[in-house]
């Protein structure tokens, strides 16, 4: 449907962009995105996708807001402590843009529900903070041919990559989950809140470019951010021919416990 006068005014800074325009904005409005994790990465991603007018946005998270979240999870406020994150986030997103639809899933993604939840969306944002969830999202998305954005942050550094069918996935990059205890968690070693914001915003940007058709994505490329030195590097990542998720052994991860 053509945009209304109110929508033309709301999205005016998009419609004058080369490569986006009114047609690109209409594609954004007709698209859907699932954000798995309503925390540090998911906060900016959710706010920017709502502000951009993505027609339907899903939020999946089982947690409640805690005081220690507020240093980086900027979609939540002190008054939200104790509330379900998906409810808190949905409220802020609709306050920014009541014209979008926000569906919530107050649950962890599991091998039992991930396929059905992910299957209903055009683009997936992995805003989780643990390897089990990341590889589950990777394997379901590659099996369904779904594009998704991966990101991770620890201490002062972060990285992001986008998978499209036919390009490298998370298993091409890392193989599989690291042994338990090998990689410390943010709870153990800390994370600079603003760095999480940088990477979550990158993920939102990847989704909006995918929907609108503008620019090129981080497909086959890993963006590495070192905030201490403020250096940004992009590394090429080749698709592994024998990758069990997206290569010749595709499907080999099916049924595994992640």
C-alpha atoms as a PDB file:
ATOM      1  CA  UNK A   1       0.000   0.000   0.000  1.00  0.00           C
ATOM      2  CA  UNK A   2       1.231   3.540  -0.718  1.00  0.00           C
ATOM      3  CA  UNK A   3       2.327   5.500   2.332  1.00  0.00           C
ATOM      4  CA  UNK A   4      -0.066   7.849   4.075  1.00  0.00           C
ATOM      5  CA  UNK A   5       0.746  11.543   4.559  1.00  0.00           C
ATOM      6  CA  UNK A   6       1.708  10.799   8.174  1.00  0.00           C
ATOM      7  CA  UNK A   7       4.045   8.003   7.106  1.00  0.00           C
ATOM      8  CA  UNK A   8       5.628  10.187   4.428  1.00  0.00           C
ATOM      9  CA  UNK A   9       6.440  12.735   7.110  1.00  0.00           C
ATOM     10  CA  UNK A  10       7.630  10.147   9.652  1.00  0.00           C
ATOM     11  CA  UNK A  11       9.970   8.422   7.204  1.00  0.00           C
ATOM     12  CA  UNK A  12      11.020  11.512   5.234  1.00  0.00           C
ATOM     13  CA  UNK A  13      14.726  11.019   5.990  1.00  0.00           C
ATOM     14  CA  UNK A  14      14.522   7.526   4.501  1.00  0.00           C
ATOM     15  CA  UNK A  15      12.544   8.387   1.394  1.00  0.00           C
ATOM     16  CA  UNK A  16      15.127  10.946   0.235  1.00  0.00           C
ATOM     17  CA  UNK A  17      17.989   8.459   0.606  1.00  0.00           C
ATOM     18  CA  UNK A  18      19.523   7.204  -2.667  1.00  0.00           C
ATOM     19  CA  UNK A  19      18.976   3.464  -2.811  1.00  0.00           C
ATOM     20  CA  UNK A  20      16.021   3.556  -0.410  1.00  0.00           C
ATOM     21  CA  UNK A  21      13.409   6.082  -1.513  1.00  0.00           C
ATOM     22  CA  UNK A  22       9.678   5.579  -1.111  1.00  0.00           C
ATOM     23  CA  UNK A  23       9.832   2.100  -2.632  1.00  0.00           C
ATOM     24  CA  UNK A  24      12.528   0.970  -0.225  1.00  0.00           C
ATOM     25  CA  UNK A  25      10.614   2.369   2.747  1.00  0.00           C
ATOM     26  CA  UNK A  26       7.487   0.556   1.605  1.00  0.00           C
ATOM     27  CA  UNK A  27       9.502  -2.673   1.467  1.00  0.00           C
ATOM     28  CA  UNK A  28      10.705  -2.011   5.027  1.00  0.00           C
ATOM     29  CA  UNK A  29       7.114  -1.523   6.129  1.00  0.00           C
ATOM     30  CA  UNK A  30       6.042  -4.761   4.444  1.00  0.00           C
ATOM     31  CA  UNK A  31       8.839  -6.804   6.076  1.00  0.00           C
ATOM     32  CA  UNK A  32       9.199  -8.725   9.325  1.00  0.00           C
ATOM     33  CA  UNK A  33      12.135  -9.237  11.664  1.00  0.00           C
ATOM     34  CA  UNK A  34      12.649 -11.459  14.693  1.00  0.00           C
ATOM     35  CA  UNK A  35      14.998 -10.263  17.439  1.00  0.00           C
ATOM     36  CA  UNK A  36      16.129 -13.093  19.687  1.00  0.00           C
ATOM     37  CA  UNK A  37      17.191 -11.448  22.933  1.00  0.00           C
ATOM     38  CA  UNK A  38      15.808  -8.196  24.348  1.00  0.00           C
ATOM     39  CA  UNK A  39      19.037  -7.242  26.109  1.00  0.00           C
ATOM     40  CA  UNK A  40      22.167  -5.310  25.175  1.00  0.00           C
ATOM     41  CA  UNK A  41      22.227  -6.098  21.458  1.00  0.00           C
ATOM     42  CA  UNK A  42      18.470  -6.361  21.126  1.00  0.00           C
ATOM     43  CA  UNK A  43      17.770  -2.973  22.743  1.00  0.00           C
ATOM     44  CA  UNK A  44      19.146  -0.709  19.988  1.00  0.00           C
ATOM     45  CA  UNK A  45      18.122  -3.173  17.289  1.00  0.00           C
ATOM     46  CA  UNK A  46      14.515  -3.145  18.503  1.00  0.00           C
ATOM     47  CA  UNK A  47      14.315   0.629  18.849  1.00  0.00           C
ATOM     48  CA  UNK A  48      15.803   1.322  15.419  1.00  0.00           C
ATOM     49  CA  UNK A  49      13.692  -1.272  13.615  1.00  0.00           C
ATOM     50  CA  UNK A  50      10.555   0.108  15.243  1.00  0.00           C
ATOM     51  CA  UNK A  51      11.554   3.677  14.427  1.00  0.00           C
ATOM     52  CA  UNK A  52      12.251   2.652  10.818  1.00  0.00           C
ATOM     53  CA  UNK A  53       8.755   1.234  10.460  1.00  0.00           C
ATOM     54  CA  UNK A  54       9.469  -2.484  10.030  1.00  0.00           C
ATOM     55  CA  UNK A  55       5.942  -3.800   9.736  1.00  0.00           C
ATOM     56  CA  UNK A  56       6.142  -6.742  12.110  1.00  0.00           C
ATOM     57  CA  UNK A  57       8.816  -7.264  14.751  1.00  0.00           C
ATOM     58  CA  UNK A  58       9.080 -10.319  16.969  1.00  0.00           C
ATOM     59  CA  UNK A  59      10.840 -10.301  20.342  1.00  0.00           C
ATOM     60  CA  UNK A  60      11.907 -13.559  21.973  1.00  0.00           C
ATOM     61  CA  UNK A  61      13.325 -13.512  25.506  1.00  0.00           C
ATOM     62  CA  UNK A  62      12.466 -15.415  28.681  1.00  0.00           C
ATOM     63  CA  UNK A  63      14.176 -13.083  31.180  1.00  0.00           C
ATOM     64  CA  UNK A  64      13.044 -10.261  33.433  1.00  0.00           C
ATOM     65  CA  UNK A  65      14.788  -6.900  33.743  1.00  0.00           C
ATOM     66  CA  UNK A  66      17.397  -6.707  36.519  1.00  0.00           C
ATOM     67  CA  UNK A  67      19.300  -3.712  37.849  1.00  0.00           C
ATOM     68  CA  UNK A  68      22.583  -4.986  36.379  1.00  0.00           C
ATOM     69  CA  UNK A  69      21.006  -4.974  32.899  1.00  0.00           C
ATOM     70  CA  UNK A  70      20.508  -1.219  32.807  1.00  0.00           C
ATOM     71  CA  UNK A  71      24.176  -0.350  32.178  1.00  0.00           C
ATOM     72  CA  UNK A  72      23.804  -1.562  28.577  1.00  0.00           C
ATOM     73  CA  UNK A  73      20.192  -2.620  27.877  1.00  0.00           C
ATOM     74  CA  UNK A  74      18.965   0.844  27.039  1.00  0.00           C
ATOM     75  CA  UNK A  75      15.414  -0.065  26.053  1.00  0.00           C
ATOM     76  CA  UNK A  76      14.657  -0.751  29.733  1.00  0.00           C
ATOM     77  CA  UNK A  77      14.465   1.726  32.631  1.00  0.00           C
ATOM     78  CA  UNK A  78      14.817   1.525  36.406  1.00  0.00           C
ATOM     79  CA  UNK A  79      11.030   1.369  36.680  1.00  0.00           C
ATOM     80  CA  UNK A  80      11.071  -1.816  34.562  1.00  0.00           C
ATOM     81  CA  UNK A  81      13.150  -3.874  37.007  1.00  0.00           C
ATOM     82  CA  UNK A  82      11.272  -7.126  37.590  1.00  0.00           C
ATOM     83  CA  UNK A  83       9.179  -6.869  34.418  1.00  0.00           C
ATOM     84  CA  UNK A  84       9.439  -9.303  31.540  1.00  0.00           C
ATOM     85  CA  UNK A  85      11.954  -7.909  29.065  1.00  0.00           C
ATOM     86  CA  UNK A  86       9.698  -8.538  26.092  1.00  0.00           C
ATOM     87  CA  UNK A  87       6.885  -6.540  27.698  1.00  0.00           C
ATOM     88  CA  UNK A  88       9.179  -3.668  28.672  1.00  0.00           C
ATOM     89  CA  UNK A  89      10.756  -3.557  25.209  1.00  0.00           C
ATOM     90  CA  UNK A  90       7.426  -3.760  23.382  1.00  0.00           C
ATOM     91  CA  UNK A  91       6.102  -0.791  25.351  1.00  0.00           C
ATOM     92  CA  UNK A  92       9.061   1.412  24.341  1.00  0.00           C
ATOM     93  CA  UNK A  93       8.927   0.316  20.705  1.00  0.00           C
ATOM     94  CA  UNK A  94       5.242   1.180  20.381  1.00  0.00           C
ATOM     95  CA  UNK A  95       5.857   4.505  22.112  1.00  0.00           C
ATOM     96  CA  UNK A  96       8.411   5.284  19.400  1.00  0.00           C
ATOM     97  CA  UNK A  97       6.185   4.065  16.579  1.00  0.00           C
ATOM     98  CA  UNK A  98       2.604   2.915  17.219  1.00  0.00           C
ATOM     99  CA  UNK A  99       2.319   2.001  13.542  1.00  0.00           C
ATOM    100  CA  UNK A 100       4.374  -1.189  13.866  1.00  0.00           C
ATOM    101  CA  UNK A 101       3.250  -4.584  15.122  1.00  0.00           C
ATOM    102  CA  UNK A 102       5.304  -6.152  17.928  1.00  0.00           C
ATOM    103  CA  UNK A 103       4.765  -9.820  18.755  1.00  0.00           C
ATOM    104  CA  UNK A 104       6.375 -11.216  21.899  1.00  0.00           C
ATOM    105  CA  UNK A 105       7.587 -14.680  22.858  1.00  0.00           C
ATOM    106  CA  UNK A 106       8.377 -14.919  26.555  1.00  0.00           C
ATOM    107  CA  UNK A 107      10.393 -18.084  26.147  1.00  0.00           C
ATOM    108  CA  UNK A 108      13.870 -19.355  25.458  1.00  0.00           C
ATOM    109  CA  UNK A 109      14.481 -20.546  21.928  1.00  0.00           C
ATOM    110  CA  UNK A 110      14.826 -24.331  22.039  1.00  0.00           C
ATOM    111  CA  UNK A 111      15.175 -27.076  19.418  1.00  0.00           C
ATOM    112  CA  UNK A 112      11.465 -27.690  19.975  1.00  0.00           C
ATOM    113  CA  UNK A 113      10.169 -24.179  19.255  1.00  0.00           C
ATOM    114  CA  UNK A 114      12.902 -22.426  17.247  1.00  0.00           C
ATOM    115  CA  UNK A 115      11.810 -23.670  13.836  1.00  0.00           C
ATOM    116  CA  UNK A 116       8.227 -22.485  14.208  1.00  0.00           C
ATOM    117  CA  UNK A 117       9.141 -19.086  15.675  1.00  0.00           C
ATOM    118  CA  UNK A 118      11.932 -18.323  13.202  1.00  0.00           C
ATOM    119  CA  UNK A 119       9.904 -19.585  10.270  1.00  0.00           C
ATOM    120  CA  UNK A 120       7.448 -16.717  10.531  1.00  0.00           C
ATOM    121  CA  UNK A 121       9.952 -13.916   9.857  1.00  0.00           C
ATOM    122  CA  UNK A 122      11.913 -12.542   6.907  1.00  0.00           C
ATOM    123  CA  UNK A 123      15.143 -11.660   8.751  1.00  0.00           C
ATOM    124  CA  UNK A 124      16.516 -12.846  12.089  1.00  0.00           C
ATOM    125  CA  UNK A 125      18.688 -10.867  14.507  1.00  0.00           C
ATOM    126  CA  UNK A 126      20.723 -13.012  16.884  1.00  0.00           C
ATOM    127  CA  UNK A 127      20.953 -10.745  19.930  1.00  0.00           C
ATOM    128  CA  UNK A 128      21.688 -13.555  22.370  1.00  0.00           C
ATOM    129  CA  UNK A 129      24.640 -13.815  24.734  1.00  0.00           C
ATOM    130  CA  UNK A 130      25.380 -17.561  24.800  1.00  0.00           C
ATOM    131  CA  UNK A 131      26.839 -20.005  22.311  1.00  0.00           C
ATOM    132  CA  UNK A 132      24.058 -22.580  22.579  1.00  0.00           C
ATOM    133  CA  UNK A 133      21.441 -20.090  21.423  1.00  0.00           C
ATOM    134  CA  UNK A 134      23.692 -18.689  18.704  1.00  0.00           C
ATOM    135  CA  UNK A 135      24.369 -22.063  17.115  1.00  0.00           C
ATOM    136  CA  UNK A 136      20.709 -23.042  17.412  1.00  0.00           C
ATOM    137  CA  UNK A 137      19.688 -19.870  15.550  1.00  0.00           C
ATOM    138  CA  UNK A 138      22.419 -20.513  12.974  1.00  0.00           C
ATOM    139  CA  UNK A 139      21.325 -24.082  12.332  1.00  0.00           C
ATOM    140  CA  UNK A 140      17.604 -23.334  12.091  1.00  0.00           C
ATOM    141  CA  UNK A 141      18.182 -20.332   9.808  1.00  0.00           C
ATOM    142  CA  UNK A 142      20.502 -22.222   7.460  1.00  0.00           C
ATOM    143  CA  UNK A 143      18.075 -25.151   7.328  1.00  0.00           C
ATOM    144  CA  UNK A 144      15.185 -22.821   6.458  1.00  0.00           C
ATOM    145  CA  UNK A 145      17.171 -20.569   4.135  1.00  0.00           C
ATOM    146  CA  UNK A 146      16.634 -17.566   6.400  1.00  0.00           C
ATOM    147  CA  UNK A 147      19.033 -14.587   6.420  1.00  0.00           C
ATOM    148  CA  UNK A 148      20.286 -13.598   9.846  1.00  0.00           C
ATOM    149  CA  UNK A 149      22.674 -11.227  11.593  1.00  0.00           C
ATOM    150  CA  UNK A 150      25.081 -12.578  14.219  1.00  0.00           C
ATOM    151  CA  UNK A 151      26.859 -10.393  16.785  1.00  0.00           C
ATOM    152  CA  UNK A 152      28.834 -10.928  19.958  1.00  0.00           C
ATOM    153  CA  UNK A 153      30.486  -8.603  22.471  1.00  0.00           C
ATOM    154  CA  UNK A 154      32.954  -9.114  25.332  1.00  0.00           C
ATOM    155  CA  UNK A 155      34.873  -6.530  27.356  1.00  0.00           C
ATOM    156  CA  UNK A 156      35.709  -3.718  24.878  1.00  0.00           C
ATOM    157  CA  UNK A 157      35.396  -5.707  21.639  1.00  0.00           C
ATOM    158  CA  UNK A 158      32.682  -7.041  19.400  1.00  0.00           C
ATOM    159  CA  UNK A 159      32.020  -8.622  16.031  1.00  0.00           C
ATOM    160  CA  UNK A 160      29.168  -9.013  13.588  1.00  0.00           C
ATOM    161  CA  UNK A 161      28.433 -11.019  10.443  1.00  0.00           C
ATOM    162  CA  UNK A 162      25.400 -11.571   8.245  1.00  0.00           C
ATOM    163  CA  UNK A 163      24.471 -14.895   6.702  1.00  0.00           C
ATOM    164  CA  UNK A 164      22.603 -15.164   3.416  1.00  0.00           C
ATOM    165  CA  UNK A 165      21.917 -18.497   1.702  1.00  0.00           C
ATOM    166  CA  UNK A 166      25.092 -19.516  -0.112  1.00  0.00           C
ATOM    167  CA  UNK A 167      27.429 -17.535   2.168  1.00  0.00           C
ATOM    168  CA  UNK A 168      29.399 -18.433   5.285  1.00  0.00           C
ATOM    169  CA  UNK A 169      27.523 -19.146   8.492  1.00  0.00           C
ATOM    170  CA  UNK A 170      28.578 -19.278  12.131  1.00  0.00           C
ATOM    171  CA  UNK A 171      29.770 -22.873  11.834  1.00  0.00           C
ATOM    172  CA  UNK A 172      31.957 -21.926   8.871  1.00  0.00           C
ATOM    173  CA  UNK A 173      33.560 -19.345  11.146  1.00  0.00           C
ATOM    174  CA  UNK A 174      33.874 -21.279  14.418  1.00  0.00           C
ATOM    175  CA  UNK A 175      32.966 -24.891  13.711  1.00  0.00           C
ATOM    176  CA  UNK A 176      30.963 -25.412  16.869  1.00  0.00           C
ATOM    177  CA  UNK A 177      30.515 -24.363  20.449  1.00  0.00           C
ATOM    178  CA  UNK A 178      33.711 -23.923  22.480  1.00  0.00           C
ATOM    179  CA  UNK A 179      34.197 -26.273  25.439  1.00  0.00           C
ATOM    180  CA  UNK A 180      32.393 -25.147  28.586  1.00  0.00           C
ATOM    181  CA  UNK A 181      34.443 -22.599  30.514  1.00  0.00           C
ATOM    182  CA  UNK A 182      36.877 -21.868  27.678  1.00  0.00           C
ATOM    183  CA  UNK A 183      35.364 -18.489  26.817  1.00  0.00           C
ATOM    184  CA  UNK A 184      34.458 -16.234  29.777  1.00  0.00           C
ATOM    185  CA  UNK A 185      31.056 -14.602  29.982  1.00  0.00           C
ATOM    186  CA  UNK A 186      30.295 -10.920  30.191  1.00  0.00           C
ATOM    187  CA  UNK A 187      29.146 -11.483  33.755  1.00  0.00           C
ATOM    188  CA  UNK A 188      32.632 -12.756  34.610  1.00  0.00           C
ATOM    189  CA  UNK A 189      34.838 -10.246  32.786  1.00  0.00           C
ATOM    190  CA  UNK A 190      32.513  -7.354  31.976  1.00  0.00           C
ATOM    191  CA  UNK A 191      31.384  -5.514  28.872  1.00  0.00           C
ATOM    192  CA  UNK A 192      31.403  -1.813  28.043  1.00  0.00           C
ATOM    193  CA  UNK A 193      27.745  -0.941  27.544  1.00  0.00           C
ATOM    194  CA  UNK A 194      28.238   1.401  24.608  1.00  0.00           C
ATOM    195  CA  UNK A 195      30.109  -1.297  22.636  1.00  0.00           C
ATOM    196  CA  UNK A 196      27.014  -3.496  22.784  1.00  0.00           C
ATOM    197  CA  UNK A 197      25.083  -0.524  21.403  1.00  0.00           C
ATOM    198  CA  UNK A 198      27.457  -0.233  18.445  1.00  0.00           C
ATOM    199  CA  UNK A 199      27.015  -3.867  17.460  1.00  0.00           C
ATOM    200  CA  UNK A 200      23.258  -3.916  17.994  1.00  0.00           C
ATOM    201  CA  UNK A 201      22.964  -0.865  15.770  1.00  0.00           C
ATOM    202  CA  UNK A 202      25.046  -2.620  13.109  1.00  0.00           C
ATOM    203  CA  UNK A 203      22.582  -5.518  13.234  1.00  0.00           C
ATOM    204  CA  UNK A 204      19.610  -3.183  12.786  1.00  0.00           C
ATOM    205  CA  UNK A 205      21.386  -1.542   9.849  1.00  0.00           C
ATOM    206  CA  UNK A 206      21.959  -4.924   8.193  1.00  0.00           C
ATOM    207  CA  UNK A 207      18.257  -5.747   8.503  1.00  0.00           C
ATOM    208  CA  UNK A 208      17.168  -2.397   7.054  1.00  0.00           C
ATOM    209  CA  UNK A 209      19.580  -2.727   4.132  1.00  0.00           C
ATOM    210  CA  UNK A 210      18.296  -6.231   3.468  1.00  0.00           C
ATOM    211  CA  UNK A 211      14.672  -5.054   3.438  1.00  0.00           C
ATOM    212  CA  UNK A 212      15.236  -1.904   1.385  1.00  0.00           C
ATOM    213  CA  UNK A 213      17.826  -3.331  -1.017  1.00  0.00           C
ATOM    214  CA  UNK A 214      20.334  -0.583  -0.247  1.00  0.00           C
ATOM    215  CA  UNK A 215      24.084  -1.193  -0.128  1.00  0.00           C
ATOM    216  CA  UNK A 216      25.868  -4.472   0.554  1.00  0.00           C
ATOM    217  CA  UNK A 217      25.630  -6.695   3.596  1.00  0.00           C
ATOM    218  CA  UNK A 218      28.244  -8.300   5.851  1.00  0.00           C
ATOM    219  CA  UNK A 219      27.727 -11.596   4.035  1.00  0.00           C
ATOM    220  CA  UNK A 220      31.014 -13.473   3.829  1.00  0.00           C
ATOM    221  CA  UNK A 221      32.599 -10.741   5.945  1.00  0.00           C
ATOM    222  CA  UNK A 222      33.205 -10.426   9.681  1.00  0.00           C
ATOM    223  CA  UNK A 223      33.218  -6.928  11.158  1.00  0.00           C
ATOM    224  CA  UNK A 224      35.577  -6.789  14.156  1.00  0.00           C
ATOM    225  CA  UNK A 225      35.386  -3.784  16.489  1.00  0.00           C
ATOM    226  CA  UNK A 226      38.058  -2.890  19.072  1.00  0.00           C
ATOM    227  CA  UNK A 227      36.652   0.020  21.047  1.00  0.00           C
ATOM    228  CA  UNK A 228      39.788   0.516  23.149  1.00  0.00           C
ATOM    229  CA  UNK A 229      41.754   1.561  20.066  1.00  0.00           C
ATOM    230  CA  UNK A 230      38.625   2.465  18.066  1.00  0.00           C
ATOM    231  CA  UNK A 231      39.666   0.242  15.171  1.00  0.00           C
ATOM    232  CA  UNK A 232      37.200  -1.407  12.812  1.00  0.00           C
ATOM    233  CA  UNK A 233      38.367  -4.282  10.611  1.00  0.00           C
ATOM    234  CA  UNK A 234      36.504  -6.372   8.061  1.00  0.00           C
ATOM    235  CA  UNK A 235      37.735  -9.924   7.499  1.00  0.00           C
ATOM    236  CA  UNK A 236      36.670 -12.222   4.662  1.00  0.00           C
ATOM    237  CA  UNK A 237      34.996 -15.465   5.736  1.00  0.00           C
ATOM    238  CA  UNK A 238      34.661 -18.216   3.149  1.00  0.00           C
ATOM    239  CA  UNK A 239      31.833 -20.719   3.181  1.00  0.00           C
ATOM    240  CA  UNK A 240      33.183 -24.098   4.319  1.00  0.00           C
ATOM    241  CA  UNK A 241      32.416 -26.699   1.674  1.00  0.00           C
ATOM    242  CA  UNK A 242      31.835 -29.402   4.273  1.00  0.00           C
ATOM    243  CA  UNK A 243      29.963 -27.197   6.755  1.00  0.00           C
ATOM    244  CA  UNK A 244      27.327 -29.318   8.547  1.00  0.00           C
ATOM    245  CA  UNK A 245      24.922 -26.362   8.579  1.00  0.00           C
ATOM    246  CA  UNK A 246      25.224 -24.648   5.188  1.00  0.00           C
ATOM    247  CA  UNK A 247      27.696 -26.717   3.109  1.00  0.00           C
ATOM    248  CA  UNK A 248      27.764 -30.172   1.549  1.00  0.00           C
ATOM    249  CA  UNK A 249      26.966 -31.770   4.921  1.00  0.00           C
ATOM    250  CA  UNK A 250      23.971 -29.483   5.446  1.00  0.00           C
ATOM    251  CA  UNK A 251      21.542 -31.085   7.853  1.00  0.00           C
ATOM    252  CA  UNK A 252      24.218 -32.902   9.838  1.00  0.00           C
ATOM    253  CA  UNK A 253      23.384 -30.716  12.845  1.00  0.00           C
ATOM    254  CA  UNK A 254      19.700 -31.658  12.730  1.00  0.00           C
ATOM    255  CA  UNK A 255      18.571 -33.243  15.957  1.00  0.00           C
ATOM    256  CA  UNK A 256      21.703 -32.363  17.869  1.00  0.00           C
ATOM    257  CA  UNK A 257      21.342 -30.952  21.348  1.00  0.00           C
ATOM    258  CA  UNK A 258      22.373 -27.311  21.246  1.00  0.00           C
END
